[in-house]
């Protein structure tokens, strides 16, 4: 009989930990700064290395609330054209359960036209779950099974993602936990549930100083219903931005971020719960730090487009002002003779006038 109770306890612990985070995957309000956590293809979207550090404290004041830590690094491979590699480590603590995951990712990008590129990414890694049963509060204090016991389970995982992007537009489709692998405990068995994501966004330039980026993130994992997250971000002079988001039936978030020297990005998000859990917590806090390893010679797509515009305008100005080579020669041949004739003309007139003066007309010289 005790064994049955132990199995039920494990199942309840696992189910309770999963229900707290609603999904088996981590949650981020600033998903535009951490798209790698949702889509493996994102690492093939830029031409420089990027390091990211995230911390999220969800549902502050709620005992056993989720705390998430994430570290990632990704970028292109110089020796392999159009290829990128990356790595990500996650640690999520929810109640009595701690899950640690590590992934390695490979992505390959294809240029579709002058404005759009498509990247395909594949990730593989390991998941480890640990349940500290000795921290469980039980009525049966004499149960030796719950004294000094830590349950562990490991499983292999894989993710995949497509990421279509341009200078102003991006669209991502991805799947996490796509292998649907089993998680084997000592007394019970679980299973990783496939998660599906779709994100889309567009950058709108307002005058020369402001840029508005609306975006939508769709999440689905059975049997949970589809969840939508709407986000809007306003950037000023590409260095400071304010944002807001709404997560369907969950929370509203306010966000702020700053970019320093085009390399360092620091952002903060504060979630306000709108579900029934709002009576038991004081919101969520999220901090993200990103560093771009951009070299001085590195030129982004935006810079390249700007150089093209400047180059075309310079060429157009030169074409309008500077005549063609054939016309230059023609102008020189037409312009030189008149100058010589102007100099000679007065000399001829002077000679004629002198000859007339030397032989004055008198009546004697007139012909009879």
Protein backbone atom coordinates (compact mmCIF):
# COMPACT_ATOMS: atom_id res chain seq x y z
CA UNK A 1 0.00 0.00 0.00
CA UNK A 2 2.86 2.33 0.82
CA UNK A 3 4.34 1.76 -2.62
CA UNK A 4 1.12 2.92 -4.25
CA UNK A 5 1.17 6.11 -2.19
CA UNK A 6 4.80 6.71 -3.17
CA UNK A 7 3.99 6.41 -6.87
CA UNK A 8 1.02 8.75 -6.48
CA UNK A 9 3.23 11.26 -4.67
CA UNK A 10 5.79 11.24 -7.48
CA UNK A 11 3.11 11.69 -10.14
CA UNK A 12 1.57 14.59 -8.25
CA UNK A 13 4.94 16.27 -7.80
CA UNK A 14 5.76 16.00 -11.49
CA UNK A 15 2.30 17.17 -12.54
CA UNK A 16 2.36 20.03 -10.06
CA UNK A 17 5.75 21.26 -11.25
CA UNK A 18 4.60 21.16 -14.87
CA UNK A 19 1.35 22.97 -14.15
CA UNK A 20 3.14 25.85 -12.47
CA UNK A 21 4.93 26.77 -15.69
CA UNK A 22 1.94 25.75 -17.88
CA UNK A 23 4.40 24.24 -20.35
CA UNK A 24 7.50 22.05 -20.20
CA UNK A 25 9.51 24.78 -21.93
CA UNK A 26 10.80 27.95 -20.30
CA UNK A 27 8.90 31.23 -20.55
CA UNK A 28 10.39 34.61 -21.54
CA UNK A 29 8.63 37.95 -21.91
CA UNK A 30 11.51 39.45 -23.91
CA UNK A 31 11.30 36.72 -26.54
CA UNK A 32 12.52 39.13 -29.25
CA UNK A 33 15.86 39.23 -27.41
CA UNK A 34 15.87 35.48 -26.79
CA UNK A 35 14.40 33.95 -29.95
CA UNK A 36 17.04 31.20 -29.85
CA UNK A 37 15.14 29.73 -26.87
CA UNK A 38 12.13 29.23 -29.17
CA UNK A 39 13.68 28.65 -32.60
CA UNK A 40 16.96 26.88 -33.48
CA UNK A 41 17.10 28.55 -36.90
CA UNK A 42 17.66 31.99 -35.36
CA UNK A 43 21.40 31.40 -34.95
CA UNK A 44 21.80 31.56 -38.74
CA UNK A 45 20.28 35.04 -39.02
CA UNK A 46 23.31 37.20 -38.26
CA UNK A 47 26.95 37.55 -39.27
CA UNK A 48 28.53 37.94 -35.80
CA UNK A 49 28.80 36.00 -32.55
CA UNK A 50 26.32 36.77 -29.78
CA UNK A 51 26.31 35.83 -26.08
CA UNK A 52 23.11 35.96 -23.98
CA UNK A 53 22.42 35.73 -20.27
CA UNK A 54 18.84 35.57 -18.95
CA UNK A 55 17.28 35.36 -15.50
CA UNK A 56 13.56 35.12 -14.78
CA UNK A 57 11.82 35.02 -11.40
CA UNK A 58 8.21 34.13 -12.04
CA UNK A 59 5.31 34.75 -9.65
CA UNK A 60 7.29 36.46 -6.89
CA UNK A 61 5.85 35.63 -3.46
CA UNK A 62 4.42 32.28 -4.57
CA UNK A 63 6.16 29.46 -2.71
CA UNK A 64 7.99 27.16 -5.13
CA UNK A 65 7.54 29.55 -8.06
CA UNK A 66 9.71 28.96 -11.17
CA UNK A 67 13.18 30.50 -11.40
CA UNK A 68 14.93 30.21 -14.75
CA UNK A 69 18.57 30.76 -15.74
CA UNK A 70 19.82 30.62 -19.31
CA UNK A 71 23.19 31.09 -21.03
CA UNK A 72 23.69 30.89 -24.80
CA UNK A 73 26.36 31.59 -27.40
CA UNK A 74 25.97 31.38 -31.18
CA UNK A 75 27.26 32.79 -34.44
CA UNK A 76 28.63 32.00 -37.93
CA UNK A 77 31.45 29.61 -38.79
CA UNK A 78 34.16 31.28 -40.88
CA UNK A 79 35.39 28.11 -42.56
CA UNK A 80 31.87 26.96 -43.50
CA UNK A 81 29.98 29.34 -45.75
CA UNK A 82 26.38 30.08 -44.65
CA UNK A 83 26.78 27.84 -41.57
CA UNK A 84 26.33 28.78 -37.91
CA UNK A 85 26.75 26.94 -34.61
CA UNK A 86 25.48 27.60 -31.13
CA UNK A 87 25.04 26.25 -27.64
CA UNK A 88 22.51 26.82 -24.85
CA UNK A 89 22.30 25.83 -21.17
CA UNK A 90 19.08 26.13 -19.15
CA UNK A 91 18.34 25.60 -15.50
CA UNK A 92 14.76 25.76 -14.25
CA UNK A 93 13.77 25.39 -10.58
CA UNK A 94 10.08 24.81 -9.88
CA UNK A 95 8.98 23.60 -6.48
CA UNK A 96 10.74 20.35 -5.63
CA UNK A 97 11.84 19.81 -9.24
CA UNK A 98 14.96 21.11 -10.98
CA UNK A 99 15.45 20.60 -14.70
CA UNK A 100 18.78 21.18 -16.45
CA UNK A 101 19.14 21.10 -20.22
CA UNK A 102 22.02 21.56 -22.63
CA UNK A 103 21.80 21.89 -26.43
CA UNK A 104 24.17 22.13 -29.37
CA UNK A 105 22.77 23.68 -32.55
CA UNK A 106 23.75 23.76 -36.22
CA UNK A 107 22.08 26.08 -38.72
CA UNK A 108 22.40 26.65 -42.44
CA UNK A 109 21.10 29.76 -44.20
CA UNK A 110 20.12 30.35 -47.83
CA UNK A 111 19.74 33.73 -49.52
CA UNK A 112 16.40 33.71 -51.36
CA UNK A 113 16.73 37.18 -52.92
CA UNK A 114 18.23 40.58 -52.18
CA UNK A 115 15.97 41.12 -49.18
CA UNK A 116 15.17 37.70 -47.67
CA UNK A 117 17.19 34.85 -46.16
CA UNK A 118 15.98 31.49 -44.87
CA UNK A 119 17.76 29.63 -42.05
CA UNK A 120 17.20 26.03 -40.94
CA UNK A 121 18.42 24.98 -37.50
CA UNK A 122 18.65 21.63 -35.70
CA UNK A 123 19.41 21.16 -31.99
CA UNK A 124 20.27 18.08 -29.98
CA UNK A 125 20.89 17.76 -26.28
CA UNK A 126 20.16 16.21 -22.92
CA UNK A 127 17.54 16.93 -20.26
CA UNK A 128 18.01 16.04 -16.62
CA UNK A 129 15.25 16.15 -14.01
CA UNK A 130 15.82 16.04 -10.25
CA UNK A 131 13.12 15.84 -7.56
CA UNK A 132 14.12 16.50 -3.95
CA UNK A 133 11.68 14.32 -2.07
CA UNK A 134 13.29 15.15 1.27
CA UNK A 135 11.91 18.70 0.97
CA UNK A 136 8.34 17.42 0.62
CA UNK A 137 5.96 18.22 3.44
CA UNK A 138 4.06 15.05 4.32
CA UNK A 139 1.82 13.90 7.12
CA UNK A 140 3.66 10.59 7.38
CA UNK A 141 6.89 11.70 9.06
CA UNK A 142 8.13 8.13 9.46
CA UNK A 143 8.25 7.32 5.73
CA UNK A 144 11.89 6.44 5.04
CA UNK A 145 11.33 6.75 1.30
CA UNK A 146 10.95 10.53 1.63
CA UNK A 147 14.06 10.91 3.81
CA UNK A 148 17.23 11.93 1.99
CA UNK A 149 15.89 10.81 -1.40
CA UNK A 150 16.57 12.52 -4.73
CA UNK A 151 14.93 11.12 -7.83
CA UNK A 152 16.69 11.70 -11.14
CA UNK A 153 15.75 11.05 -14.76
CA UNK A 154 17.61 11.77 -18.00
CA UNK A 155 16.46 11.82 -21.58
CA UNK A 156 17.65 12.93 -25.03
CA UNK A 157 15.89 15.81 -26.76
CA UNK A 158 15.90 17.48 -30.18
CA UNK A 159 14.53 20.74 -31.61
CA UNK A 160 14.18 22.18 -35.11
CA UNK A 161 13.29 25.55 -36.55
CA UNK A 162 12.84 27.58 -39.76
CA UNK A 163 13.56 31.30 -39.66
CA UNK A 164 12.74 33.61 -42.59
CA UNK A 165 14.09 37.12 -42.13
CA UNK A 166 14.98 40.35 -43.87
CA UNK A 167 15.94 43.85 -42.86
CA UNK A 168 12.41 44.64 -41.60
CA UNK A 169 10.52 41.33 -41.52
CA UNK A 170 10.89 38.00 -39.70
CA UNK A 171 8.86 34.78 -39.54
CA UNK A 172 9.75 31.72 -37.47
CA UNK A 173 8.30 28.20 -37.23
CA UNK A 174 9.75 25.70 -34.76
CA UNK A 175 9.21 22.55 -32.72
CA UNK A 176 10.67 21.68 -29.31
CA UNK A 177 10.72 18.25 -27.65
CA UNK A 178 10.03 16.94 -31.11
CA UNK A 179 11.12 13.35 -30.35
CA UNK A 180 8.42 12.90 -27.70
CA UNK A 181 10.88 10.83 -25.64
CA UNK A 182 10.06 9.07 -22.39
CA UNK A 183 11.28 10.25 -18.99
CA UNK A 184 11.87 7.16 -16.84
CA UNK A 185 11.63 7.58 -13.07
CA UNK A 186 12.24 4.91 -10.47
CA UNK A 187 8.55 4.30 -9.90
CA UNK A 188 6.85 6.08 -12.76
CA UNK A 189 7.24 7.10 -16.40
CA UNK A 190 6.68 10.47 -18.00
CA UNK A 191 7.00 11.80 -21.51
CA UNK A 192 8.21 15.02 -23.14
CA UNK A 193 5.37 16.78 -24.91
CA UNK A 194 6.12 18.33 -28.33
CA UNK A 195 5.81 22.12 -28.31
CA UNK A 196 5.12 24.17 -31.43
CA UNK A 197 5.89 27.85 -31.92
CA UNK A 198 5.22 30.45 -34.60
CA UNK A 199 6.42 34.05 -34.42
CA UNK A 200 6.09 36.93 -36.84
CA UNK A 201 7.09 40.59 -36.67
CA UNK A 202 7.70 43.67 -38.80
CA UNK A 203 9.81 46.80 -38.25
CA UNK A 204 8.15 50.10 -39.17
CA UNK A 205 10.34 53.16 -39.61
CA UNK A 206 8.78 56.37 -38.30
CA UNK A 207 10.65 59.42 -39.56
CA UNK A 208 14.37 58.96 -38.96
CA UNK A 209 14.60 58.53 -35.18
CA UNK A 210 11.84 56.07 -34.26
CA UNK A 211 11.16 52.44 -35.15
CA UNK A 212 8.06 50.45 -34.15
CA UNK A 213 8.15 46.63 -34.05
CA UNK A 214 4.85 44.80 -33.56
CA UNK A 215 5.13 41.00 -33.19
CA UNK A 216 3.08 37.94 -32.26
CA UNK A 217 4.20 34.65 -30.68
CA UNK A 218 1.96 31.57 -30.88
CA UNK A 219 2.50 28.59 -28.57
CA UNK A 220 0.86 25.18 -28.59
CA UNK A 221 1.41 21.92 -26.74
CA UNK A 222 -1.33 19.35 -26.33
CA UNK A 223 -3.50 19.08 -24.34
CA UNK A 224 -3.06 22.75 -23.35
CA UNK A 225 -4.93 25.31 -25.48
CA UNK A 226 -3.22 27.64 -27.96
CA UNK A 227 -1.65 30.66 -26.29
CA UNK A 228 -0.96 33.95 -28.08
CA UNK A 229 1.43 36.66 -26.96
CA UNK A 230 1.23 40.12 -28.53
CA UNK A 231 4.17 42.49 -28.26
CA UNK A 232 4.92 46.07 -29.31
CA UNK A 233 8.31 47.77 -29.06
CA UNK A 234 9.25 51.39 -29.83
CA UNK A 235 12.95 52.13 -30.41
CA UNK A 236 14.53 55.59 -30.38
CA UNK A 237 17.67 56.14 -32.46
CA UNK A 238 18.48 52.43 -32.25
CA UNK A 239 19.76 52.68 -28.67
CA UNK A 240 16.83 52.85 -26.21
CA UNK A 241 13.43 51.22 -26.41
CA UNK A 242 10.18 50.73 -24.52
CA UNK A 243 7.78 47.84 -24.98
CA UNK A 244 4.65 46.13 -23.78
CA UNK A 245 3.15 42.67 -24.26
CA UNK A 246 0.01 40.72 -23.46
CA UNK A 247 0.07 36.98 -22.88
CA UNK A 248 -3.39 35.51 -23.40
CA UNK A 249 -5.11 34.63 -20.09
CA UNK A 250 -1.86 35.05 -18.17
CA UNK A 251 -0.11 38.41 -17.85
CA UNK A 252 0.65 41.90 -19.11
CA UNK A 253 4.31 42.93 -19.28
CA UNK A 254 6.14 46.26 -19.41
CA UNK A 255 9.65 46.22 -20.90
CA UNK A 256 12.57 48.60 -21.29
CA UNK A 257 16.00 48.17 -22.85
CA UNK A 258 19.12 50.04 -23.88
CA UNK A 259 21.90 49.35 -26.38
CA UNK A 260 25.41 50.53 -25.53
CA UNK A 261 28.03 51.04 -28.27
CA UNK A 262 26.02 48.78 -30.62
CA UNK A 263 27.36 45.76 -28.73
CA UNK A 264 25.84 45.52 -25.26
CA UNK A 265 22.07 45.12 -24.78
CA UNK A 266 20.49 45.30 -21.32
CA UNK A 267 16.75 44.79 -20.85
CA UNK A 268 14.24 44.40 -18.04
CA UNK A 269 10.65 43.12 -18.05
CA UNK A 270 8.01 43.19 -15.31
CA UNK A 271 4.96 40.94 -15.66
CA UNK A 272 1.63 41.67 -14.00
CA UNK A 273 -0.53 38.58 -13.61
CA UNK A 274 -4.11 38.88 -14.88
CA UNK A 275 -5.21 35.30 -14.15
CA UNK A 276 -6.59 34.01 -10.84
CA UNK A 277 -3.02 33.63 -9.59
CA UNK A 278 -2.74 37.42 -9.22
CA UNK A 279 -4.05 37.07 -5.65
CA UNK A 280 -1.07 34.90 -4.70
CA UNK A 281 1.92 36.68 -6.26
CA UNK A 282 3.32 40.14 -6.95
CA UNK A 283 4.29 39.63 -10.59
CA UNK A 284 7.37 38.37 -12.41
CA UNK A 285 10.79 39.90 -13.09
CA UNK A 286 13.10 39.21 -16.00
CA UNK A 287 16.60 40.53 -16.73
CA UNK A 288 18.48 39.91 -19.97
CA UNK A 289 22.01 40.84 -21.04
CA UNK A 290 23.32 40.31 -24.57
CA UNK A 291 26.72 41.07 -26.06
CA UNK A 292 27.44 41.22 -29.80
CA UNK A 293 30.99 40.42 -30.89
CA UNK A 294 30.95 42.89 -33.77
CA UNK A 295 34.27 43.69 -35.40
CA UNK A 296 35.06 47.09 -36.85
CA UNK A 297 35.16 45.70 -40.36
CA UNK A 298 31.87 43.86 -39.93
CA UNK A 299 29.08 45.40 -42.00
CA UNK A 300 25.46 44.60 -41.25
CA UNK A 301 22.74 44.33 -43.86
CA UNK A 302 21.39 47.74 -42.87
CA UNK A 303 24.81 49.35 -43.26
CA UNK A 304 25.33 47.66 -46.62
CA UNK A 305 21.99 48.98 -47.86
CA UNK A 306 22.86 52.47 -46.63
CA UNK A 307 26.21 52.35 -48.44
CA UNK A 308 24.43 51.37 -51.63
CA UNK A 309 22.09 54.36 -51.36
CA UNK A 310 25.00 56.75 -50.76
CA UNK A 311 27.00 55.23 -53.62
CA UNK A 312 24.10 55.53 -56.04
CA UNK A 313 23.45 59.15 -55.08
CA UNK A 314 27.13 60.04 -55.59
CA UNK A 315 27.16 58.36 -58.98
CA UNK A 316 24.00 60.20 -59.99
CA UNK A 317 25.47 63.57 -58.97
CA UNK A 318 28.66 62.90 -60.90
CA UNK A 319 26.67 61.85 -63.94
CA UNK A 320 24.63 65.06 -63.86
CA UNK A 321 27.58 67.39 -63.34
CA UNK A 322 30.42 65.78 -65.27
CA UNK A 323 29.98 65.57 -69.10
CA UNK A 324 30.77 62.47 -71.06
CA UNK A 325 34.32 61.99 -72.36
CA UNK A 326 33.29 62.50 -76.02
CA UNK A 327 31.55 65.73 -75.12
CA UNK A 328 34.64 67.01 -73.32
CA UNK A 329 36.80 66.66 -76.43
CA UNK A 330 34.14 68.26 -78.57
CA UNK A 331 33.90 71.24 -76.27
CA UNK A 332 37.70 71.66 -76.27
CA UNK A 333 37.93 71.57 -80.08
CA UNK A 334 35.13 74.09 -80.40
CA UNK A 335 36.39 76.36 -77.67
CA UNK A 336 40.07 76.69 -78.74
CA UNK A 337 39.74 78.30 -82.25
CA UNK A 338 37.54 81.20 -81.22
CA UNK A 339 40.14 82.28 -78.69
CA UNK A 340 42.86 82.32 -81.40
CA UNK A 341 40.64 84.19 -83.89
CA UNK A 342 39.87 86.82 -81.30
CA UNK A 343 43.59 87.46 -80.85
CA UNK A 344 44.37 87.56 -84.59
CA UNK A 345 41.42 89.62 -85.70
CA UNK A 346 42.51 92.90 -84.16
CA UNK A 347 46.03 92.45 -85.59
CA UNK A 348 44.69 92.18 -89.15
CA UNK A 349 42.55 95.23 -88.70
CA UNK A 350 45.52 97.20 -87.40
CA UNK A 351 47.62 96.30 -90.46
CA UNK A 352 44.86 97.36 -92.78
CA UNK A 353 44.47 100.60 -90.99
CA UNK A 354 48.21 101.21 -91.08
CA UNK A 355 48.40 100.60 -94.85
CA UNK A 356 45.59 102.98 -95.40
CA UNK A 357 47.28 105.60 -93.29
CA UNK A 358 50.66 105.16 -95.09
CA UNK A 359 49.05 105.86 -98.43
CA UNK A 360 46.68 108.69 -97.86
CA UNK A 361 44.08 109.31 -100.48
CA UNK A 362 44.66 112.66 -102.28
CA UNK A 363 43.27 114.13 -105.42
CA UNK A 364 46.57 113.48 -107.22
CA UNK A 365 46.37 109.83 -106.63
CA UNK A 366 42.88 109.59 -107.93
CA UNK A 367 42.63 107.98 -111.39
CA UNK A 368 41.76 110.17 -114.24
